[in-house]
C-alpha cells in the first residue's frame, strides 16, 4: 500500500495539494513518450515468468526497475530489461525514485506480477493526448475460477465509477502532473489510493478498457475470504484515521 504522527502528517500534506485543477495542454499534438516504473523486491520468479512481456515493453518504452533490497537474482534479471535503480525498501519510495529518473512524458507504474495487453501503452498515450491527465487499466486476474471474476469486477467498477485506482491496475499519469501533486505519499501502505484521490481532484481521469493481467497469488496463497476480510479491515482502519504503520501490520506483503 513511521510513526502515528508521520502518518497523519502525510495525509494532511496530501490534502493540501488537492485544491488545484490541471488543465489539458491541447496544443501539444506529439505522441507522448512513456516510462514504465516497476518497484521490485525479491521478484526473481516473476521476472523470469514475465520475461517476454518485459522484452516487448522495452522496445517501445523506457523501462525502469527500482529494487528495494532484493537478496535473490532480481537485480541480475532486471538489468536485462532496463535501467535498474537501488532504493530503500518501500513501494512508494521506490516508485518516486523511478519517477525522478524517468524521461517519459507519461509515467506508468507497473507491479512485477502484472503484465499489460499489447495495446495498453499506446492506449494510455492516446488517452493522455486527448486531454486526460491520468488513469488506469481494466484488471483481469490470472485465474479462471468464477470467484476471481467477482474480485476483479469489484475493483473495475470502483475504478470506473469512483475513479479510485489501486496499484495493481497500472496507474499512469502525465509526468508534470505527478510532480505537481508531490508524487506518491511515502507511507507504508495505501499510497496508491491516496494518490489516485489527489489525481481525480486535479483533472480528468479514466479507467481504460485495455486489460492489465494481474497475478492471483495473494488470494491463492492466503485464501479468498481471508484476503478480502483483511482488505476490508484495512479500509475500515483507514476511514478511522488509524496510523499507517498499524494498518501495514495487516497487509501481507514482502514490501
C-alpha atoms as a PDB file:
ATOM      1  CA  UNK A   1       0.000   0.000   0.000  1.00  0.00           C
ATOM      2  CA  UNK A   2       6.501   5.794  10.741  1.00  0.00           C
ATOM      3  CA  UNK A   3       5.058   6.893  13.492  1.00  0.00           C
ATOM      4  CA  UNK A   4       1.397   7.816  14.138  1.00  0.00           C
ATOM      5  CA  UNK A   5       2.227  11.483  13.735  1.00  0.00           C
ATOM      6  CA  UNK A   6       4.037  10.874  10.476  1.00  0.00           C
ATOM      7  CA  UNK A   7       1.049   9.010   9.075  1.00  0.00           C
ATOM      8  CA  UNK A   8      -1.330  11.837   9.841  1.00  0.00           C
ATOM      9  CA  UNK A   9       1.122  14.417   8.528  1.00  0.00           C
ATOM     10  CA  UNK A  10       1.341  12.546   5.216  1.00  0.00           C
ATOM     11  CA  UNK A  11      -2.431  12.613   4.904  1.00  0.00           C
ATOM     12  CA  UNK A  12      -2.551  16.335   5.662  1.00  0.00           C
ATOM     13  CA  UNK A  13       0.167  17.059   3.149  1.00  0.00           C
ATOM     14  CA  UNK A  14      -1.783  15.113   0.548  1.00  0.00           C
ATOM     15  CA  UNK A  15      -4.969  17.048   1.210  1.00  0.00           C
ATOM     16  CA  UNK A  16      -3.227  20.389   0.815  1.00  0.00           C
ATOM     17  CA  UNK A  17      -2.434  19.626  -2.820  1.00  0.00           C
ATOM     18  CA  UNK A  18      -5.978  18.785  -3.828  1.00  0.00           C
ATOM     19  CA  UNK A  19      -7.122  22.358  -4.317  1.00  0.00           C
ATOM     20  CA  UNK A  20      -5.846  22.981  -7.845  1.00  0.00           C
ATOM     21  CA  UNK A  21      -7.054  21.725 -11.196  1.00  0.00           C
ATOM     22  CA  UNK A  22      -4.746  20.711 -14.013  1.00  0.00           C
ATOM     23  CA  UNK A  23      -5.889  21.830 -17.432  1.00  0.00           C
ATOM     24  CA  UNK A  24      -5.081  19.841 -20.539  1.00  0.00           C
ATOM     25  CA  UNK A  25      -2.491  21.261 -22.882  1.00  0.00           C
ATOM     26  CA  UNK A  26      -4.367  20.691 -26.132  1.00  0.00           C
ATOM     27  CA  UNK A  27      -1.789  22.488 -28.233  1.00  0.00           C
ATOM     28  CA  UNK A  28       0.604  19.554 -27.967  1.00  0.00           C
ATOM     29  CA  UNK A  29      -0.025  17.055 -30.746  1.00  0.00           C
ATOM     30  CA  UNK A  30       3.152  14.986 -30.460  1.00  0.00           C
ATOM     31  CA  UNK A  31       2.922  11.374 -29.338  1.00  0.00           C
ATOM     32  CA  UNK A  32       3.851  11.302 -25.632  1.00  0.00           C
ATOM     33  CA  UNK A  33       6.742   9.092 -24.584  1.00  0.00           C
ATOM     34  CA  UNK A  34       6.196   6.574 -21.795  1.00  0.00           C
ATOM     35  CA  UNK A  35       8.371   5.455 -18.913  1.00  0.00           C
ATOM     36  CA  UNK A  36       7.256   2.297 -17.121  1.00  0.00           C
ATOM     37  CA  UNK A  37       8.390   2.107 -13.496  1.00  0.00           C
ATOM     38  CA  UNK A  38       8.407  -1.254 -11.709  1.00  0.00           C
ATOM     39  CA  UNK A  39       9.119  -1.465  -7.952  1.00  0.00           C
ATOM     40  CA  UNK A  40      10.567  -4.873  -7.037  1.00  0.00           C
ATOM     41  CA  UNK A  41      11.706  -6.840  -4.018  1.00  0.00           C
ATOM     42  CA  UNK A  42      12.772 -10.471  -4.409  1.00  0.00           C
ATOM     43  CA  UNK A  43      10.794 -10.883  -7.621  1.00  0.00           C
ATOM     44  CA  UNK A  44      13.126 -13.347  -9.370  1.00  0.00           C
ATOM     45  CA  UNK A  45      10.273 -15.758 -10.060  1.00  0.00           C
ATOM     46  CA  UNK A  46       8.012 -13.143 -11.608  1.00  0.00           C
ATOM     47  CA  UNK A  47      10.779 -11.567 -13.681  1.00  0.00           C
ATOM     48  CA  UNK A  48      11.512 -14.969 -15.181  1.00  0.00           C
ATOM     49  CA  UNK A  49       7.831 -15.709 -15.745  1.00  0.00           C
ATOM     50  CA  UNK A  50       7.126 -12.336 -17.399  1.00  0.00           C
ATOM     51  CA  UNK A  51      10.446 -12.050 -19.260  1.00  0.00           C
ATOM     52  CA  UNK A  52       8.883 -11.979 -22.730  1.00  0.00           C
ATOM     53  CA  UNK A  53       6.492  -9.271 -21.630  1.00  0.00           C
ATOM     54  CA  UNK A  54       9.298  -7.059 -20.330  1.00  0.00           C
ATOM     55  CA  UNK A  55      11.293  -7.646 -23.522  1.00  0.00           C
ATOM     56  CA  UNK A  56       8.333  -6.363 -25.546  1.00  0.00           C
ATOM     57  CA  UNK A  57       7.877  -3.332 -23.302  1.00  0.00           C
ATOM     58  CA  UNK A  58      11.487  -2.185 -23.560  1.00  0.00           C
ATOM     59  CA  UNK A  59      11.182  -1.919 -27.351  1.00  0.00           C
ATOM     60  CA  UNK A  60       8.612   0.857 -27.166  1.00  0.00           C
ATOM     61  CA  UNK A  61       9.026   2.406 -23.701  1.00  0.00           C
ATOM     62  CA  UNK A  62      11.693   3.387 -21.231  1.00  0.00           C
ATOM     63  CA  UNK A  63      11.748   0.692 -18.542  1.00  0.00           C
ATOM     64  CA  UNK A  64      12.990   1.487 -15.039  1.00  0.00           C
ATOM     65  CA  UNK A  65      13.115  -1.223 -12.356  1.00  0.00           C
ATOM     66  CA  UNK A  66      13.605   0.012  -8.796  1.00  0.00           C
ATOM     67  CA  UNK A  67      14.899  -2.586  -6.338  1.00  0.00           C
ATOM     68  CA  UNK A  68      14.191  -2.307  -2.627  1.00  0.00           C
ATOM     69  CA  UNK A  69      16.992  -4.586  -1.376  1.00  0.00           C
ATOM     70  CA  UNK A  70      16.471  -7.969  -3.028  1.00  0.00           C
ATOM     71  CA  UNK A  71      18.578 -10.918  -1.914  1.00  0.00           C
ATOM     72  CA  UNK A  72      17.799 -13.168  -4.889  1.00  0.00           C
ATOM     73  CA  UNK A  73      18.575 -12.720  -8.625  1.00  0.00           C
ATOM     74  CA  UNK A  74      16.124  -9.842  -9.104  1.00  0.00           C
ATOM     75  CA  UNK A  75      18.751  -7.192  -9.944  1.00  0.00           C
ATOM     76  CA  UNK A  76      20.623  -9.516 -12.313  1.00  0.00           C
ATOM     77  CA  UNK A  77      17.445 -10.361 -14.230  1.00  0.00           C
ATOM     78  CA  UNK A  78      16.026  -6.831 -14.184  1.00  0.00           C
ATOM     79  CA  UNK A  79      19.199  -5.411 -15.739  1.00  0.00           C
ATOM     80  CA  UNK A  80      18.353  -7.299 -18.947  1.00  0.00           C
ATOM     81  CA  UNK A  81      15.146  -5.340 -19.396  1.00  0.00           C
ATOM     82  CA  UNK A  82      16.000  -1.763 -18.480  1.00  0.00           C
ATOM     83  CA  UNK A  83      17.655   0.655 -16.090  1.00  0.00           C
ATOM     84  CA  UNK A  84      17.957  -0.690 -12.535  1.00  0.00           C
ATOM     85  CA  UNK A  85      17.940   1.645  -9.541  1.00  0.00           C
ATOM     86  CA  UNK A  86      18.619   0.712  -5.927  1.00  0.00           C
ATOM     87  CA  UNK A  87      16.373   2.190  -3.280  1.00  0.00           C
ATOM     88  CA  UNK A  88      15.255   1.933   0.290  1.00  0.00           C
ATOM     89  CA  UNK A  89      12.536  -0.655   0.810  1.00  0.00           C
ATOM     90  CA  UNK A  90       9.014   0.703   0.328  1.00  0.00           C
ATOM     91  CA  UNK A  91       6.851   0.685  -2.772  1.00  0.00           C
ATOM     92  CA  UNK A  92       6.063   4.419  -2.657  1.00  0.00           C
ATOM     93  CA  UNK A  93       9.709   5.357  -2.077  1.00  0.00           C
ATOM     94  CA  UNK A  94      10.804   3.105  -4.927  1.00  0.00           C
ATOM     95  CA  UNK A  95       8.228   4.445  -7.378  1.00  0.00           C
ATOM     96  CA  UNK A  96       9.056   8.061  -6.548  1.00  0.00           C
ATOM     97  CA  UNK A  97      12.749   7.400  -7.149  1.00  0.00           C
ATOM     98  CA  UNK A  98      11.975   5.824 -10.503  1.00  0.00           C
ATOM     99  CA  UNK A  99       9.825   8.803 -11.453  1.00  0.00           C
ATOM    100  CA  UNK A 100      12.657  11.238 -10.679  1.00  0.00           C
ATOM    101  CA  UNK A 101      14.932   9.380 -13.106  1.00  0.00           C
ATOM    102  CA  UNK A 102      12.302   8.926 -15.836  1.00  0.00           C
ATOM    103  CA  UNK A 103      12.486  10.704 -19.193  1.00  0.00           C
ATOM    104  CA  UNK A 104       8.943   9.953 -20.392  1.00  0.00           C
ATOM    105  CA  UNK A 105       6.054  12.388 -20.748  1.00  0.00           C
ATOM    106  CA  UNK A 106       3.868   9.715 -19.161  1.00  0.00           C
ATOM    107  CA  UNK A 107       4.717   7.679 -16.072  1.00  0.00           C
ATOM    108  CA  UNK A 108       3.165   4.202 -15.891  1.00  0.00           C
ATOM    109  CA  UNK A 109       3.571   2.292 -12.625  1.00  0.00           C
ATOM    110  CA  UNK A 110       3.514  -1.483 -13.023  1.00  0.00           C
ATOM    111  CA  UNK A 111       3.831  -4.291 -10.489  1.00  0.00           C
ATOM    112  CA  UNK A 112       6.243  -7.098 -11.311  1.00  0.00           C
ATOM    113  CA  UNK A 113       3.487  -9.703 -11.124  1.00  0.00           C
ATOM    114  CA  UNK A 114       1.377  -7.887 -13.718  1.00  0.00           C
ATOM    115  CA  UNK A 115       1.582  -7.572 -17.485  1.00  0.00           C
ATOM    116  CA  UNK A 116      -0.202  -5.342 -19.960  1.00  0.00           C
ATOM    117  CA  UNK A 117      -2.299  -6.012 -23.013  1.00  0.00           C
ATOM    118  CA  UNK A 118      -0.088  -5.285 -26.043  1.00  0.00           C
ATOM    119  CA  UNK A 119      -2.144  -2.184 -26.910  1.00  0.00           C
ATOM    120  CA  UNK A 120      -2.194  -0.783 -23.376  1.00  0.00           C
ATOM    121  CA  UNK A 121       0.813   1.594 -23.576  1.00  0.00           C
ATOM    122  CA  UNK A 122      -0.387   3.159 -26.835  1.00  0.00           C
ATOM    123  CA  UNK A 123      -3.921   3.403 -25.428  1.00  0.00           C
ATOM    124  CA  UNK A 124      -2.558   5.262 -22.397  1.00  0.00           C
ATOM    125  CA  UNK A 125      -0.663   7.594 -24.725  1.00  0.00           C
ATOM    126  CA  UNK A 126      -3.803   8.337 -26.775  1.00  0.00           C
ATOM    127  CA  UNK A 127      -5.779   8.878 -23.577  1.00  0.00           C
ATOM    128  CA  UNK A 128      -3.289  11.482 -22.336  1.00  0.00           C
ATOM    129  CA  UNK A 129      -3.158  13.138 -25.744  1.00  0.00           C
ATOM    130  CA  UNK A 130      -6.936  13.551 -25.658  1.00  0.00           C
ATOM    131  CA  UNK A 131      -6.751  15.716 -22.535  1.00  0.00           C
ATOM    132  CA  UNK A 132      -6.925  13.182 -19.703  1.00  0.00           C
ATOM    133  CA  UNK A 133      -4.244  13.641 -17.039  1.00  0.00           C
ATOM    134  CA  UNK A 134      -4.090  10.022 -15.872  1.00  0.00           C
ATOM    135  CA  UNK A 135      -5.856   6.749 -15.303  1.00  0.00           C
ATOM    136  CA  UNK A 136      -5.514   3.000 -15.044  1.00  0.00           C
ATOM    137  CA  UNK A 137      -6.404  -0.199 -16.918  1.00  0.00           C
ATOM    138  CA  UNK A 138      -9.145  -2.793 -16.567  1.00  0.00           C
ATOM    139  CA  UNK A 139      -7.946  -5.571 -14.301  1.00  0.00           C
ATOM    140  CA  UNK A 140      -8.022  -9.285 -15.139  1.00  0.00           C
ATOM    141  CA  UNK A 141      -6.775 -11.796 -12.547  1.00  0.00           C
ATOM    142  CA  UNK A 142      -4.770 -14.741 -13.874  1.00  0.00           C
ATOM    143  CA  UNK A 143      -7.070 -17.466 -12.585  1.00  0.00           C
ATOM    144  CA  UNK A 144     -10.098 -18.851 -14.436  1.00  0.00           C
ATOM    145  CA  UNK A 145     -12.235 -19.687 -11.397  1.00  0.00           C
ATOM    146  CA  UNK A 146     -15.511 -17.674 -11.320  1.00  0.00           C
ATOM    147  CA  UNK A 147     -14.712 -16.192  -7.897  1.00  0.00           C
ATOM    148  CA  UNK A 148     -11.840 -14.213  -9.446  1.00  0.00           C
ATOM    149  CA  UNK A 149     -14.207 -12.596 -11.938  1.00  0.00           C
ATOM    150  CA  UNK A 150     -16.158 -11.252  -8.972  1.00  0.00           C
ATOM    151  CA  UNK A 151     -12.985  -9.900  -7.326  1.00  0.00           C
ATOM    152  CA  UNK A 152     -11.785  -8.097 -10.436  1.00  0.00           C
ATOM    153  CA  UNK A 153     -15.258  -6.750 -11.264  1.00  0.00           C
ATOM    154  CA  UNK A 154     -15.476  -5.067  -7.864  1.00  0.00           C
ATOM    155  CA  UNK A 155     -12.137  -3.349  -8.483  1.00  0.00           C
ATOM    156  CA  UNK A 156     -13.007  -2.358 -12.034  1.00  0.00           C
ATOM    157  CA  UNK A 157     -16.359  -0.877 -11.024  1.00  0.00           C
ATOM    158  CA  UNK A 158     -14.653   1.113  -8.250  1.00  0.00           C
ATOM    159  CA  UNK A 159     -12.072   2.449 -10.715  1.00  0.00           C
ATOM    160  CA  UNK A 160     -14.634   3.414 -13.359  1.00  0.00           C
ATOM    161  CA  UNK A 161     -17.279   4.863 -11.065  1.00  0.00           C
ATOM    162  CA  UNK A 162     -15.332   6.348  -8.152  1.00  0.00           C
ATOM    163  CA  UNK A 163     -12.046   6.991 -10.012  1.00  0.00           C
ATOM    164  CA  UNK A 164     -10.052   5.369  -7.202  1.00  0.00           C
ATOM    165  CA  UNK A 165      -7.220   3.304  -8.654  1.00  0.00           C
ATOM    166  CA  UNK A 166      -5.134   0.633  -6.951  1.00  0.00           C
ATOM    167  CA  UNK A 167      -1.511  -0.005  -7.859  1.00  0.00           C
ATOM    168  CA  UNK A 168      -2.154  -3.385  -9.467  1.00  0.00           C
ATOM    169  CA  UNK A 169      -4.393  -1.675 -12.031  1.00  0.00           C
ATOM    170  CA  UNK A 170      -1.400   0.047 -13.641  1.00  0.00           C
ATOM    171  CA  UNK A 171      -1.717   3.719 -12.701  1.00  0.00           C
ATOM    172  CA  UNK A 172      -0.490   6.104 -15.403  1.00  0.00           C
ATOM    173  CA  UNK A 173      -0.179   9.882 -15.199  1.00  0.00           C
ATOM    174  CA  UNK A 174       1.294  12.855 -17.000  1.00  0.00           C
ATOM    175  CA  UNK A 175       4.794  13.369 -15.638  1.00  0.00           C
ATOM    176  CA  UNK A 176       4.325  17.063 -14.918  1.00  0.00           C
ATOM    177  CA  UNK A 177       1.087  16.358 -13.041  1.00  0.00           C
ATOM    178  CA  UNK A 178       2.746  13.626 -10.979  1.00  0.00           C
ATOM    179  CA  UNK A 179       5.363  16.025  -9.665  1.00  0.00           C
ATOM    180  CA  UNK A 180       2.899  18.878  -9.123  1.00  0.00           C
ATOM    181  CA  UNK A 181       0.911  16.509  -6.914  1.00  0.00           C
ATOM    182  CA  UNK A 182       4.039  15.604  -4.946  1.00  0.00           C
ATOM    183  CA  UNK A 183       4.284  12.013  -6.171  1.00  0.00           C
ATOM    184  CA  UNK A 184       3.148   9.079  -4.066  1.00  0.00           C
ATOM    185  CA  UNK A 185       2.893   9.777  -0.337  1.00  0.00           C
ATOM    186  CA  UNK A 186       5.766   7.835   1.211  1.00  0.00           C
ATOM    187  CA  UNK A 187       3.727   5.796   3.654  1.00  0.00           C
ATOM    188  CA  UNK A 188       3.825   2.026   4.323  1.00  0.00           C
ATOM    189  CA  UNK A 189       0.525   1.162   2.596  1.00  0.00           C
ATOM    190  CA  UNK A 190      -2.346   2.637   0.553  1.00  0.00           C
ATOM    191  CA  UNK A 191      -0.148   5.156  -1.235  1.00  0.00           C
ATOM    192  CA  UNK A 192      -1.902   4.228  -4.486  1.00  0.00           C
ATOM    193  CA  UNK A 193      -5.370   5.029  -3.172  1.00  0.00           C
ATOM    194  CA  UNK A 194      -4.298   8.364  -1.693  1.00  0.00           C
ATOM    195  CA  UNK A 195      -2.505   9.354  -4.887  1.00  0.00           C
ATOM    196  CA  UNK A 196      -5.464   8.458  -7.103  1.00  0.00           C
ATOM    197  CA  UNK A 197      -7.728  10.611  -4.917  1.00  0.00           C
ATOM    198  CA  UNK A 198      -5.399  13.555  -5.472  1.00  0.00           C
ATOM    199  CA  UNK A 199      -5.268  12.752  -9.165  1.00  0.00           C
ATOM    200  CA  UNK A 200      -9.035  12.717  -9.678  1.00  0.00           C
ATOM    201  CA  UNK A 201      -9.252  16.085  -7.906  1.00  0.00           C
ATOM    202  CA  UNK A 202      -6.686  17.591 -10.264  1.00  0.00           C
ATOM    203  CA  UNK A 203      -8.349  16.844 -13.594  1.00  0.00           C
ATOM    204  CA  UNK A 204      -9.982  14.284 -15.865  1.00  0.00           C
ATOM    205  CA  UNK A 205      -9.010  10.656 -15.201  1.00  0.00           C
ATOM    206  CA  UNK A 206     -10.170   7.413 -16.785  1.00  0.00           C
ATOM    207  CA  UNK A 207     -10.116   3.644 -16.345  1.00  0.00           C
ATOM    208  CA  UNK A 208      -9.329   2.327 -19.828  1.00  0.00           C
ATOM    209  CA  UNK A 209     -10.846  -0.821 -21.334  1.00  0.00           C
ATOM    210  CA  UNK A 210      -7.345  -2.111 -22.136  1.00  0.00           C
ATOM    211  CA  UNK A 211      -6.508  -5.123 -19.985  1.00  0.00           C
ATOM    212  CA  UNK A 212      -3.847  -5.450 -17.321  1.00  0.00           C
ATOM    213  CA  UNK A 213      -3.312  -9.056 -16.243  1.00  0.00           C
ATOM    214  CA  UNK A 214      -2.624  -9.396 -12.524  1.00  0.00           C
ATOM    215  CA  UNK A 215      -1.338 -12.416 -10.627  1.00  0.00           C
ATOM    216  CA  UNK A 216      -3.891 -14.014  -8.307  1.00  0.00           C
ATOM    217  CA  UNK A 217      -1.096 -15.206  -5.999  1.00  0.00           C
ATOM    218  CA  UNK A 218      -2.259 -13.178  -2.990  1.00  0.00           C
ATOM    219  CA  UNK A 219      -5.682 -14.836  -2.945  1.00  0.00           C
ATOM    220  CA  UNK A 220      -4.217 -18.233  -3.813  1.00  0.00           C
ATOM    221  CA  UNK A 221      -1.625 -18.030  -1.026  1.00  0.00           C
ATOM    222  CA  UNK A 222      -3.832 -16.636   1.731  1.00  0.00           C
ATOM    223  CA  UNK A 223      -7.337 -17.611   0.678  1.00  0.00           C
ATOM    224  CA  UNK A 224     -10.170 -15.630  -0.875  1.00  0.00           C
ATOM    225  CA  UNK A 225     -12.207 -14.888   2.248  1.00  0.00           C
ATOM    226  CA  UNK A 226      -9.219 -14.148   4.477  1.00  0.00           C
ATOM    227  CA  UNK A 227      -7.599 -11.827   1.925  1.00  0.00           C
ATOM    228  CA  UNK A 228     -10.783  -9.855   1.303  1.00  0.00           C
ATOM    229  CA  UNK A 229     -11.507  -9.643   5.029  1.00  0.00           C
ATOM    230  CA  UNK A 230      -8.034  -8.165   5.561  1.00  0.00           C
ATOM    231  CA  UNK A 231      -8.680  -5.587   2.838  1.00  0.00           C
ATOM    232  CA  UNK A 232     -11.976  -4.700   4.497  1.00  0.00           C
ATOM    233  CA  UNK A 233     -10.247  -4.220   7.867  1.00  0.00           C
ATOM    234  CA  UNK A 234      -7.563  -2.027   6.281  1.00  0.00           C
ATOM    235  CA  UNK A 235     -10.141   0.226   4.627  1.00  0.00           C
ATOM    236  CA  UNK A 236     -12.079   0.499   7.873  1.00  0.00           C
ATOM    237  CA  UNK A 237      -8.938   1.437   9.812  1.00  0.00           C
ATOM    238  CA  UNK A 238      -8.063   3.981   7.141  1.00  0.00           C
ATOM    239  CA  UNK A 239     -11.513   5.595   7.461  1.00  0.00           C
ATOM    240  CA  UNK A 240     -10.914   5.856  11.211  1.00  0.00           C
ATOM    241  CA  UNK A 241      -7.549   7.613  10.615  1.00  0.00           C
ATOM    242  CA  UNK A 242      -5.564   4.807  12.223  1.00  0.00           C
ATOM    243  CA  UNK A 243      -1.793   5.341  11.644  1.00  0.00           C
ATOM    244  CA  UNK A 244      -0.466   3.671   8.509  1.00  0.00           C
ATOM    245  CA  UNK A 245       2.185   1.721  10.433  1.00  0.00           C
ATOM    246  CA  UNK A 246      -0.631  -0.103  12.213  1.00  0.00           C
ATOM    247  CA  UNK A 247      -2.605  -0.703   9.009  1.00  0.00           C
ATOM    248  CA  UNK A 248       0.582  -2.107   7.478  1.00  0.00           C
ATOM    249  CA  UNK A 249       0.563  -4.837  10.133  1.00  0.00           C
ATOM    250  CA  UNK A 250      -2.467  -6.408   8.449  1.00  0.00           C
ATOM    251  CA  UNK A 251      -1.003  -6.226   4.963  1.00  0.00           C
ATOM    252  CA  UNK A 252       0.792  -9.419   3.985  1.00  0.00           C
ATOM    253  CA  UNK A 253       3.361  -8.206   1.529  1.00  0.00           C
ATOM    254  CA  UNK A 254       7.113  -8.545   1.076  1.00  0.00           C
ATOM    255  CA  UNK A 255       7.420  -4.769   0.697  1.00  0.00           C
END
